[in-house]
Protein backbone atom coordinates (compact mmCIF):
# COMPACT_ATOMS: atom_id res chain seq x y z
CA MET A 1 64.93 129.97 135.80
CA GLN A 2 61.21 130.63 136.15
CA THR A 3 60.24 130.36 139.81
CA GLU A 4 57.31 128.09 140.47
CA GLY A 5 53.93 129.71 139.84
CA THR A 6 55.16 132.53 137.61
CA GLU A 7 53.90 132.95 134.06
CA ARG A 8 56.26 131.38 131.54
CA ASP A 9 57.60 133.32 128.60
CA ALA A 10 55.21 133.02 125.67
CA ASN A 11 58.09 132.77 123.23
CA VAL A 12 59.34 129.51 124.73
CA SER A 13 57.81 126.19 123.81
CA HIS A 14 57.72 124.27 127.08
CA GLN A 15 57.07 120.56 127.33
CA ALA A 16 56.19 118.85 130.57
CA ILE A 17 56.69 115.15 131.08
CA ALA A 18 55.05 113.68 134.15
CA THR A 19 57.54 111.04 135.14
CA PRO A 20 58.66 111.78 138.71
CA SER A 21 61.30 109.11 138.92
CA GLY A 22 64.60 110.81 139.66
CA PRO A 23 67.86 109.06 140.60
CA ALA A 24 67.48 106.83 143.61
CA GLY A 25 69.90 106.85 146.50
CA THR A 26 71.35 110.33 145.87
CA PRO A 27 73.34 111.35 148.98
CA ALA A 28 71.86 114.31 150.84
CA SER A 29 75.07 116.29 150.33
CA LEU A 30 74.64 115.95 146.58
CA ALA A 31 70.88 116.43 146.32
CA PRO A 32 69.90 119.33 144.04
CA SER A 33 69.91 122.59 145.98
CA ALA A 34 67.04 125.07 145.97
CA PRO A 35 67.91 128.16 143.93
CA VAL A 36 67.99 131.51 145.67
CA ALA A 37 64.71 133.36 145.11
CA SER A 38 65.49 136.67 143.39
CA LEU A 39 65.25 138.56 140.14
CA ALA A 40 66.90 136.80 137.21
CA ARG A 41 70.65 137.31 137.00
CA LEU A 42 70.66 136.55 133.28
CA SER A 43 67.66 136.95 131.02
CA LEU A 44 67.68 136.17 127.29
CA ALA A 45 64.80 137.25 125.05
CA GLY A 46 64.48 136.30 121.39
CA ILE A 47 68.17 135.54 120.82
CA THR A 48 68.71 134.69 117.16
CA LYS A 49 71.90 133.89 115.26
CA GLN A 50 71.91 133.08 111.55
CA TYR A 51 74.90 131.58 109.73
CA PRO A 52 74.97 131.14 105.92
CA LEU A 53 73.60 127.59 105.97
CA VAL A 54 71.99 127.23 109.38
CA ARG A 55 70.09 129.19 112.01
CA ALA A 56 72.07 128.27 115.11
CA ASN A 57 69.76 130.06 117.56
CA ASP A 58 66.12 130.76 116.74
CA ASN A 59 64.24 133.12 119.09
CA VAL A 60 65.80 131.67 122.26
CA SER A 61 64.51 132.97 125.59
CA MET A 62 65.50 131.77 129.04
CA GLU A 63 66.35 132.99 132.53
CA VAL A 64 68.93 132.00 135.13
CA ALA A 65 68.45 132.98 138.77
CA PRO A 66 71.14 133.77 141.36
CA GLY A 67 72.35 130.59 143.02
CA GLU A 68 70.78 128.35 140.37
CA ILE A 69 72.57 125.45 138.66
CA HIS A 70 70.91 125.48 135.25
CA ALA A 71 71.62 122.77 132.67
CA VAL A 72 71.44 123.32 128.91
CA LEU A 73 70.83 120.05 127.04
CA GLY A 74 70.74 119.21 123.36
CA GLU A 75 72.21 117.19 120.52
CA ASN A 76 75.22 118.29 118.48
CA GLY A 77 74.04 121.22 116.40
CA ALA A 78 71.20 122.07 118.78
CA GLY A 79 72.66 125.55 119.33
CA LYS A 80 74.07 125.21 122.86
CA SER A 81 77.62 126.25 122.05
CA THR A 82 76.52 129.26 119.99
CA LEU A 83 74.24 130.40 122.81
CA MET A 84 77.04 130.11 125.40
CA LYS A 85 79.42 132.03 123.14
CA ILE A 86 76.82 134.79 122.81
CA ILE A 87 76.49 135.00 126.59
CA TYR A 88 80.29 135.07 126.95
CA GLY A 89 80.71 137.72 124.27
CA ALA A 90 82.57 135.56 121.76
CA VAL A 91 79.69 135.72 119.23
CA ARG A 92 77.34 138.63 118.47
CA PRO A 93 73.63 137.76 118.09
CA ASP A 94 71.69 139.02 115.06
CA ALA A 95 68.60 139.75 117.13
CA GLY A 96 67.34 139.56 120.68
CA GLU A 97 68.05 141.11 124.04
CA ILE A 98 70.37 140.21 126.91
CA ARG A 99 69.52 141.51 130.36
CA TRP A 100 72.09 141.25 133.13
CA GLU A 101 70.64 141.70 136.61
CA GLY A 102 67.68 143.52 135.11
CA ARG A 103 69.57 145.89 132.80
CA VAL A 104 69.95 145.51 129.03
CA GLN A 105 73.58 144.74 128.14
CA GLU A 106 75.48 144.46 124.88
CA ILE A 107 78.23 141.92 125.54
CA ASP A 108 80.60 142.46 122.64
CA SER A 109 83.68 140.59 123.89
CA PRO A 110 84.81 138.04 126.50
CA ALA A 111 86.54 140.91 128.33
CA ALA A 112 83.17 142.69 128.58
CA ALA A 113 81.59 139.47 129.86
CA ARG A 114 84.29 139.05 132.50
CA LYS A 115 83.83 142.66 133.57
CA LEU A 116 80.16 141.91 134.27
CA GLY A 117 81.12 138.81 136.24
CA ILE A 118 80.64 136.08 133.63
CA GLY A 119 83.30 133.35 133.57
CA MET A 120 83.57 130.28 131.36
CA VAL A 121 85.43 127.00 131.76
CA PHE A 122 85.81 125.45 128.31
CA GLN A 123 85.76 121.73 127.56
CA HIS A 124 89.23 121.88 126.02
CA PHE A 125 91.68 123.53 128.38
CA SER A 126 93.58 126.57 127.11
CA LEU A 127 96.79 126.20 129.09
CA PHE A 128 100.46 126.53 128.13
CA GLU A 129 102.30 123.34 129.09
CA THR A 130 105.67 125.00 129.75
CA LEU A 131 104.33 127.79 131.96
CA THR A 132 103.52 127.60 135.64
CA VAL A 133 100.02 127.63 137.08
CA GLY A 134 100.49 131.23 138.19
CA GLU A 135 101.78 132.35 134.80
CA ASN A 136 98.85 130.70 133.00
CA ILE A 137 96.33 132.38 135.26
CA ALA A 138 98.09 135.73 134.93
CA LEU A 139 97.67 135.64 131.15
CA SER A 140 93.88 135.65 131.50
CA LEU A 141 93.63 138.64 133.82
CA ASP A 142 92.34 141.91 132.42
CA GLN A 143 94.09 144.09 135.00
CA ALA A 144 97.67 144.67 136.11
CA PHE A 145 99.10 142.12 138.54
CA ASP A 146 102.10 141.26 140.64
CA LEU A 147 103.05 137.63 140.01
CA LYS A 148 104.14 136.97 143.59
CA ALA A 149 100.98 138.51 145.06
CA LEU A 150 98.91 136.61 142.48
CA GLY A 151 100.53 133.35 143.60
CA THR A 152 99.47 134.08 147.16
CA ARG A 153 95.89 134.72 146.00
CA ILE A 154 95.86 131.50 143.95
CA SER A 155 97.00 129.46 146.95
CA ALA A 156 94.42 131.09 149.24
CA VAL A 157 91.45 130.78 146.87
CA SER A 158 92.27 127.25 145.77
CA ALA A 159 92.69 126.07 149.37
CA ASP A 160 89.46 127.81 150.44
CA TYR A 161 87.47 125.90 147.82
CA GLY A 162 89.28 122.58 148.23
CA LEU A 163 90.98 122.96 144.84
CA ASP A 164 94.55 122.86 146.12
CA LEU A 165 97.03 124.21 143.58
CA ASP A 166 100.69 125.10 143.71
CA PRO A 167 101.10 128.27 141.61
CA GLN A 168 104.77 127.37 140.99
CA ARG A 169 104.11 124.01 139.35
CA HIS A 170 104.41 123.74 135.59
CA VAL A 171 101.23 122.71 133.80
CA HIS A 172 102.87 119.76 132.05
CA SER A 173 103.36 118.10 135.43
CA LEU A 174 99.65 118.32 136.37
CA THR A 175 97.03 115.62 136.04
CA VAL A 176 93.94 116.38 133.95
CA GLY A 177 91.90 116.94 137.10
CA GLU A 178 94.48 119.43 138.38
CA ARG A 179 94.43 121.26 135.05
CA GLN A 180 90.70 121.69 135.35
CA ARG A 181 91.27 123.16 138.81
CA VAL A 182 93.50 125.78 137.17
CA GLU A 183 90.68 126.72 134.79
CA ILE A 184 88.15 126.96 137.63
CA VAL A 185 90.45 128.95 139.93
CA ARG A 186 91.23 131.28 137.04
CA CYS A 187 87.49 132.08 136.90
CA LEU A 188 87.10 132.26 140.68
CA LEU A 189 89.79 134.94 140.92
CA GLN A 190 87.51 137.16 138.84
CA ASP A 191 84.66 136.77 141.38
CA PRO A 192 82.15 135.45 138.84
CA ARG A 193 78.43 135.88 139.34
CA LEU A 194 77.71 133.51 136.45
CA LEU A 195 79.95 130.54 135.67
CA ILE A 196 79.54 128.62 132.40
CA MET A 197 80.81 125.02 132.52
CA ASP A 198 81.16 123.19 129.17
CA GLU A 199 81.41 119.38 129.56
CA PRO A 200 83.40 119.79 132.81
CA THR A 201 83.54 116.10 133.76
CA SER A 202 84.45 114.52 130.43
CA VAL A 203 88.03 113.77 131.54
CA LEU A 204 87.53 113.23 135.29
CA THR A 205 87.37 110.13 137.44
CA PRO A 206 84.12 109.51 139.37
CA GLN A 207 85.89 110.60 142.56
CA ALA A 208 87.05 113.86 140.98
CA VAL A 209 83.50 114.48 139.72
CA ARG A 210 82.22 114.28 143.31
CA LYS A 211 84.79 116.87 144.41
CA LEU A 212 83.80 119.15 141.54
CA PHE A 213 80.12 118.90 142.47
CA ILE A 214 80.94 119.95 146.04
CA VAL A 215 82.69 123.06 144.70
CA LEU A 216 79.83 123.90 142.35
CA ARG A 217 77.25 123.49 145.11
CA ARG A 218 79.23 125.79 147.35
CA LEU A 219 79.44 128.42 144.62
CA ALA A 220 75.69 128.17 144.09
CA ALA A 221 75.07 128.49 147.82
CA GLU A 222 77.13 131.69 147.76
CA GLY A 223 74.85 133.10 145.06
CA CYS A 224 76.86 132.29 141.92
CA SER A 225 74.69 131.19 138.98
CA ILE A 226 75.97 128.21 136.99
CA LEU A 227 75.17 127.25 133.41
CA TYR A 228 76.09 123.57 133.05
CA ILE A 229 76.47 121.82 129.69
CA SER A 230 76.89 118.05 129.71
CA HIS A 231 75.80 114.96 127.79
CA LYS A 232 75.91 112.90 131.01
CA LEU A 233 72.25 112.80 131.97
CA ASP A 234 72.87 111.15 135.34
CA GLU A 235 75.01 114.13 136.36
CA ILE A 236 72.35 116.56 135.17
CA GLN A 237 69.77 114.76 137.33
CA GLU A 238 72.04 114.75 140.36
CA LEU A 239 73.39 118.28 140.18
CA CYS A 240 71.09 120.67 138.38
CA ASP A 241 68.00 122.52 139.59
CA THR A 242 66.60 123.21 136.13
CA ALA A 243 67.29 122.03 132.59
CA THR A 244 66.54 123.91 129.39
CA VAL A 245 66.40 121.58 126.39
CA MET A 246 67.34 122.76 122.89
CA ARG A 247 66.73 121.13 119.52
CA GLY A 248 67.39 122.64 116.11
CA GLY A 249 68.35 126.00 117.59
CA ARG A 250 65.09 126.34 119.54
CA ILE A 251 64.08 125.66 123.10
CA THR A 252 61.80 122.63 123.27
CA GLY A 253 61.23 122.46 126.99
CA GLN A 254 62.27 123.32 130.50
CA VAL A 255 62.13 120.64 133.18
CA THR A 256 63.29 119.74 136.66
CA PRO A 257 65.93 117.03 136.01
CA SER A 258 65.46 115.25 139.34
CA GLN A 259 61.83 114.61 138.37
CA GLU A 260 62.72 113.08 135.01
CA THR A 261 64.24 109.84 133.87
CA GLN A 262 67.25 109.69 131.59
CA ALA A 263 64.95 108.27 128.92
CA THR A 264 62.57 111.23 129.04
CA LEU A 265 65.43 113.72 129.02
CA ALA A 266 66.93 111.97 126.00
CA GLN A 267 63.55 111.97 124.26
CA LEU A 268 63.25 115.72 124.80
CA MET A 269 66.68 116.18 123.25
CA VAL A 270 66.26 114.05 120.13
CA GLY A 271 62.49 114.15 119.65
CA HIS A 272 61.96 110.40 119.90
CA ALA A 273 62.64 107.48 122.20
CA LEU A 274 66.12 105.95 121.90
CA PRO A 275 66.36 102.19 121.32
CA ALA A 276 68.16 100.09 123.90
CA TYR A 277 71.44 98.42 122.98
CA THR A 278 71.03 94.96 121.49
CA ARG A 279 73.69 92.43 122.45
CA ARG A 280 73.71 89.44 120.14
CA GLN A 281 74.85 86.18 121.68
CA HIS A 282 78.39 85.20 120.75
CA THR A 283 81.24 83.14 122.17
CA PRO A 284 84.69 84.78 122.12
CA GLY A 285 86.95 82.89 119.73
CA ASP A 286 90.67 82.78 119.06
CA THR A 287 93.05 85.50 120.21
CA LEU A 288 93.39 87.96 117.31
CA LEU A 289 95.46 90.66 119.02
CA ALA A 290 98.11 89.84 121.62
CA VAL A 291 100.35 92.37 123.35
CA ARG A 292 103.21 91.08 125.51
CA ASP A 293 105.27 93.33 127.80
CA LEU A 294 105.01 96.38 125.56
CA SER A 295 107.37 99.08 126.83
CA LEU A 296 107.81 102.20 124.73
CA VAL A 297 109.45 105.55 125.40
CA SER A 298 107.16 108.43 124.41
CA ARG A 299 108.40 110.74 121.68
CA ASP A 300 106.44 113.58 123.26
CA PRO A 301 108.43 115.38 125.99
CA PHE A 302 105.17 115.73 127.90
CA GLY A 303 103.88 112.27 127.00
CA THR A 304 103.76 109.08 129.07
CA SER A 305 105.97 106.10 128.30
CA LEU A 306 104.47 102.61 128.32
CA SER A 307 105.71 100.02 130.80
CA ALA A 308 105.14 96.27 130.39
CA VAL A 309 101.63 96.52 128.91
CA SER A 310 100.12 93.09 128.22
CA PHE A 311 96.64 91.92 127.15
CA ASP A 312 94.81 89.55 124.80
CA LEU A 313 91.86 90.40 122.57
CA ARG A 314 89.70 87.61 121.19
CA ALA A 315 87.40 87.31 118.19
CA GLY A 316 83.90 88.56 118.96
CA GLU A 317 85.02 90.38 122.12
CA VAL A 318 84.86 94.06 123.05
CA LEU A 319 87.66 94.99 125.44
CA GLY A 320 87.59 98.45 127.00
CA ILE A 321 90.55 100.44 128.31
CA ALA A 322 89.59 103.32 130.60
CA GLY A 323 91.80 106.10 131.87
CA VAL A 324 92.27 109.82 132.17
CA SER A 325 93.85 111.26 129.01
CA GLY A 326 97.61 111.68 129.06
CA ASN A 327 98.32 108.36 130.78
CA GLY A 328 99.79 106.59 127.76
CA GLN A 329 96.73 106.24 125.54
CA ALA A 330 98.33 108.12 122.63
CA GLU A 331 101.48 106.01 122.87
CA LEU A 332 99.50 102.75 123.01
CA LEU A 333 97.39 103.72 120.00
CA ALA A 334 100.49 104.68 118.01
CA ALA A 335 102.12 101.32 118.81
CA LEU A 336 99.01 99.29 117.94
CA SER A 337 98.14 101.16 114.74
CA GLY A 338 101.66 101.05 113.31
CA GLU A 339 102.14 104.81 113.41
CA MET A 340 105.06 104.11 115.73
CA PRO A 341 106.65 100.77 114.71
CA LEU A 342 108.56 99.20 117.56
CA PRO A 343 112.38 99.46 117.60
CA ALA A 344 114.39 96.37 116.72
CA GLU A 345 115.43 95.79 120.33
CA ALA A 346 111.78 95.35 121.35
CA GLY A 347 111.62 91.99 119.58
CA ASP A 348 109.19 90.62 117.01
CA GLN A 349 106.68 89.02 119.36
CA VAL A 350 105.57 92.04 121.40
CA ILE A 351 102.51 92.71 119.18
CA GLN A 352 100.86 89.84 117.34
CA LEU A 353 97.96 90.17 114.90
CA CYS A 354 96.11 86.96 114.06
CA GLY A 355 99.07 84.98 115.40
CA GLN A 356 101.69 86.81 113.32
CA PRO A 357 104.22 89.34 114.69
CA VAL A 358 103.49 92.87 113.41
CA GLY A 359 105.26 95.12 115.91
CA ARG A 360 107.79 96.38 113.36
CA LEU A 361 105.31 96.73 110.48
CA GLY A 362 103.84 100.07 109.41
CA ALA A 363 100.17 101.04 109.41
CA GLY A 364 99.51 99.97 105.81
CA ALA A 365 100.96 96.50 106.28
CA ARG A 366 98.84 95.96 109.39
CA ARG A 367 95.69 97.03 107.54
CA THR A 368 96.46 94.51 104.81
CA ARG A 369 96.41 91.83 107.52
CA GLY A 370 92.93 92.83 108.72
CA PHE A 371 93.56 95.70 111.13
CA ALA A 372 91.36 98.83 111.24
CA PHE A 373 91.72 101.96 113.34
CA VAL A 374 89.59 104.95 114.41
CA PRO A 375 91.86 107.64 115.94
CA GLU A 376 90.75 110.05 118.63
CA GLU A 377 91.35 113.14 116.50
CA ARG A 378 88.73 113.27 113.76
CA LEU A 379 90.02 116.12 111.62
CA GLY A 380 93.65 115.78 110.67
CA ARG A 381 94.13 112.10 111.57
CA GLY A 382 90.78 110.39 111.02
CA ALA A 383 90.03 112.49 107.96
CA VAL A 384 91.78 115.08 105.81
CA PRO A 385 89.70 118.25 106.25
CA ALA A 386 90.01 119.58 102.69
CA LEU A 387 89.29 116.23 100.97
CA SER A 388 85.85 114.93 100.06
CA LEU A 389 84.24 112.06 101.95
CA ALA A 390 84.83 109.88 98.89
CA ASP A 391 88.57 110.57 98.91
CA ASN A 392 88.73 110.14 102.68
CA GLY A 393 87.14 106.72 102.21
CA LEU A 394 89.76 105.85 99.62
CA LEU A 395 92.58 106.63 102.06
CA THR A 396 91.97 103.60 104.28
CA ALA A 397 89.50 101.47 102.29
CA HIS A 398 91.24 101.36 98.93
CA ARG A 399 91.65 97.60 99.35
CA GLN A 400 87.87 97.32 98.88
CA GLN A 401 88.26 96.97 95.08
CA MET A 402 88.79 100.70 94.57
CA VAL A 403 92.16 100.37 92.82
CA ARG A 404 93.09 98.18 89.86
CA SER A 405 96.59 98.00 88.38
CA GLY A 406 97.48 101.22 90.14
CA TRP A 407 94.46 103.11 88.74
CA ILE A 408 91.73 104.50 91.00
CA LYS A 409 88.23 103.31 90.13
CA ARG A 410 86.28 106.50 90.80
CA ALA A 411 82.90 104.83 90.49
CA SER A 412 83.84 102.35 93.24
CA VAL A 413 85.19 105.15 95.42
CA GLN A 414 81.94 107.10 95.09
CA ALA A 415 79.83 104.00 95.68
CA PHE A 416 81.71 103.10 98.87
CA ALA A 417 81.29 106.61 100.28
CA GLN A 418 77.59 106.62 99.37
CA ARG A 419 77.14 103.24 101.02
CA CYS A 420 78.80 104.55 104.19
CA ILE A 421 76.66 107.70 104.18
CA ALA A 422 73.46 105.67 103.82
CA ALA A 423 74.31 102.88 106.26
CA PHE A 424 75.54 105.20 109.01
CA ASP A 425 73.05 108.05 108.56
CA VAL A 426 75.72 110.65 107.80
CA ARG A 427 73.99 114.02 107.33
CA CYS A 428 75.79 115.67 104.41
CA SER A 429 75.29 116.75 100.81
CA GLY A 430 76.82 113.54 99.43
CA PRO A 431 80.14 111.81 98.71
CA ASP A 432 81.67 115.03 97.40
CA ALA A 433 81.07 116.94 100.65
CA LEU A 434 84.32 118.08 102.25
CA ALA A 435 85.16 116.44 105.57
CA GLN A 436 85.54 119.84 107.21
CA SER A 437 81.96 120.77 106.25
CA LEU A 438 80.42 118.07 108.46
CA SER A 439 79.48 118.42 112.11
CA GLY A 440 81.65 116.49 114.54
CA GLY A 441 79.02 113.83 115.10
CA ASN A 442 78.41 113.22 111.40
CA LEU A 443 82.10 113.07 110.59
CA GLN A 444 82.59 110.59 113.42
CA LYS A 445 79.82 108.39 112.02
CA PHE A 446 81.50 108.46 108.62
CA ILE A 447 84.93 107.55 109.99
CA VAL A 448 83.59 104.73 112.16
CA GLY A 449 81.44 103.52 109.28
CA ARG A 450 84.37 103.59 106.85
CA GLU A 451 86.31 101.22 109.11
CA ILE A 452 83.38 98.93 109.96
CA LEU A 453 82.39 98.46 106.29
CA GLN A 454 85.82 96.91 105.67
CA GLU A 455 84.83 94.06 108.02
CA PRO A 456 88.21 94.03 109.80
CA LYS A 457 89.46 91.18 111.93
CA VAL A 458 90.62 93.64 114.61
CA LEU A 459 89.28 97.15 115.18
CA VAL A 460 90.92 99.60 117.59
CA VAL A 461 88.77 102.66 118.23
CA ALA A 462 89.66 105.64 120.42
CA GLN A 463 86.95 107.81 121.99
CA PRO A 464 84.25 106.48 119.63
CA THR A 465 81.60 108.96 120.79
CA TRP A 466 83.71 111.94 121.91
CA GLY A 467 81.69 115.12 121.39
CA VAL A 468 78.88 113.15 119.77
CA ASP A 469 75.25 113.73 120.75
CA ILE A 470 73.24 111.06 122.54
CA GLY A 471 71.43 109.81 119.43
CA ALA A 472 74.57 109.40 117.32
CA ALA A 473 76.45 107.92 120.28
CA GLY A 474 73.85 105.18 120.72
CA PHE A 475 73.97 104.41 117.00
CA ILE A 476 77.78 104.12 116.95
CA ARG A 477 77.84 101.87 120.01
CA GLN A 478 75.24 99.57 118.48
CA GLN A 479 77.30 99.29 115.30
CA LEU A 480 80.34 98.25 117.35
CA LEU A 481 78.28 95.58 119.14
CA ASP A 482 76.97 94.28 115.82
CA LEU A 483 80.50 94.11 114.39
CA ALA A 484 81.71 92.15 117.42
CA ALA A 485 78.80 89.74 116.99
CA ARG A 486 80.12 89.05 113.47
CA GLY A 487 83.46 87.95 114.95
CA THR A 488 85.60 91.09 114.90
CA ALA A 489 87.82 91.68 117.94
CA ILE A 490 87.31 95.27 119.15
CA LEU A 491 89.45 97.36 121.49
CA VAL A 492 87.77 100.54 122.75
CA ILE A 493 89.88 103.19 124.47
CA SER A 494 87.58 105.73 126.10
CA GLU A 495 87.34 108.22 128.94
CA GLU A 496 83.57 107.65 129.05
CA LEU A 497 83.11 105.04 131.78
CA GLN A 498 79.41 104.46 131.17
CA GLU A 499 80.16 103.78 127.51
CA LEU A 500 82.66 101.08 128.45
CA PHE A 501 80.28 99.44 130.89
CA ASP A 502 77.51 99.51 128.29
CA ILE A 503 79.31 97.79 125.43
CA CYS A 504 82.41 95.99 126.74
CA ASP A 505 82.83 92.37 127.81
CA ARG A 506 85.98 93.14 129.79
CA ILE A 507 87.56 96.33 131.05
CA ALA A 508 91.01 97.50 132.19
CA VAL A 509 92.62 100.86 133.04
CA LEU A 510 95.73 102.58 131.70
CA ALA A 511 97.36 104.84 134.30
CA GLY A 512 100.88 106.22 134.24
CA GLY A 513 101.71 104.04 131.23
CA ARG A 514 100.82 100.82 133.08
CA LEU A 515 97.84 98.57 132.45
CA SER A 516 95.71 97.33 135.33
CA PRO A 517 94.41 93.78 135.65
CA VAL A 518 91.60 93.02 133.19
CA ARG A 519 88.17 92.44 134.75
CA ALA A 520 84.94 91.08 133.34
CA THR A 521 82.60 94.07 133.21
CA GLN A 522 80.06 92.43 135.50
CA ASP A 523 82.79 91.80 138.11
CA THR A 524 83.70 95.47 138.66
CA ASN A 525 82.01 98.86 138.98
CA ALA A 526 82.58 102.55 138.30
CA GLU A 527 83.96 103.23 141.78
CA GLU A 528 86.67 100.59 141.48
CA ILE A 529 87.57 101.65 137.94
CA GLY A 530 87.68 105.27 139.13
CA LEU A 531 90.24 104.36 141.79
CA TRP A 532 92.25 102.43 139.23
CA MET A 533 92.21 105.51 136.96
CA ALA A 534 94.15 107.23 139.76
CA GLY A 535 96.75 104.46 139.57
CA LEU A 536 95.47 102.56 142.62
CA PHE A 537 95.30 99.07 141.16
CA PRO A 538 96.98 95.80 142.19
CA GLY A 539 100.51 95.34 140.95
CA ASN A 540 101.17 98.99 140.13
CA PRO A 541 104.49 100.00 141.78
CA ALA A 542 103.59 103.66 141.32
CA ALA A 543 100.18 103.32 142.92
CA SER A 544 100.30 106.72 144.58
CA PHE A 545 101.51 108.75 141.60
CA ALA A 546 98.13 110.15 140.52
CA VAL A 547 96.18 110.36 143.75
CA GLU A 548 94.50 113.76 143.90
CA HIS A 549 94.08 115.25 147.33
């Protein structure tokens, strides 16, 4: 971070926006802390990384001070991840200089980064389900250890920071919030002087986010620098001292988040103002999807079985189901999509589509009756990586006059893919582009577009904007609202609470395989839904099962 009054690096294009309207009502305990005045802990100068088809980082320069919580913002493909991997030693830059506490360093591996005092908590946890907490942490250590002594250290450090962990517990028995504690404690045991956090709150309840912020503020107060990557602009405003904004591999500005609005931060990221969501007036119609007392034993030994799940979904309505991952979402999606047809003993009436029982039908038969589905996993389930976009469109949309008498009409297949690419602004080389060649955000737009263009009667979509930048996320959400306005019944399963409040008419929570009461969105709030995500909702006999202390 550049301290106030110092000359800014001439290589960085800074952009100031005079809109001092930070988040109102921020508690004093969570107000952004003042960074410790000192020489930069980390200094990057002219970092450049060129891949065959894209320059991921282009002459990037920035500084992070001791005790500073420094956000890095940007769209998908802006270069954030590459830059963090360079700092952590997982990627070698083609040009530029890294200074660590004033001395030039060549960080050629994560082990070298950890030796300097750089730790990283990744968005996707790298934990072995069948091992204990202590065993998982031991695997990441670069020095010899005694497992019993390590367990004692884990207990002491986790208790000291309010991240209570039992080193003897197996990871598969932990909640998502507890698993993140394992990742953080694993870094803390290495006494980091710089901690990189990549989307750390994407799977946490609002209450768990508050606890995490307390830990991060304490670390900063003790002099640890924190690089914080998140697409949640309200969190950036609340937590971070400084934000560096990247676009197209370059730095486009450095601002004080608390003095910005979410709109100005978003504009810095995407280069233009984002349109507000447009809700077209509609009256919910007939029930198109009905689920009655759905109970299903998970096939996954570490999964969550469903217990008496019931809800109705009406034409023109968007119903949201919130919840921390691993609470039965995968099982519910498999039951609704037809990937896991219900056993005979479940009865024919448990799942009804447009008034007809479909619980024992497969996925294809349900699609023929007007069902469409966007799975959480893009590559592998939403799209076949090695197939072209045209062929991936054919897989689920072949009923759109792409097949005649058993023969594929290639012209129709190409035309459908091109229509999807144009209508949903998919950045690619064309219908013949391989699915695996697209960025996550562009592939998500194609998959969502492929399903929407079929004009389904019922659409079930899981994590519609997971890992998608703010511009693409807004576009996808608007398309879902437009589809609902045309009469489609839409079920959205998401861990992104703000997303659900933005686009849903009603909202419920899935916790421990049980579904909470369904509330009109305007009749509830994030705090109540956060408590329900911990299982604390009316009628749940296991209301204390997921409470995190």
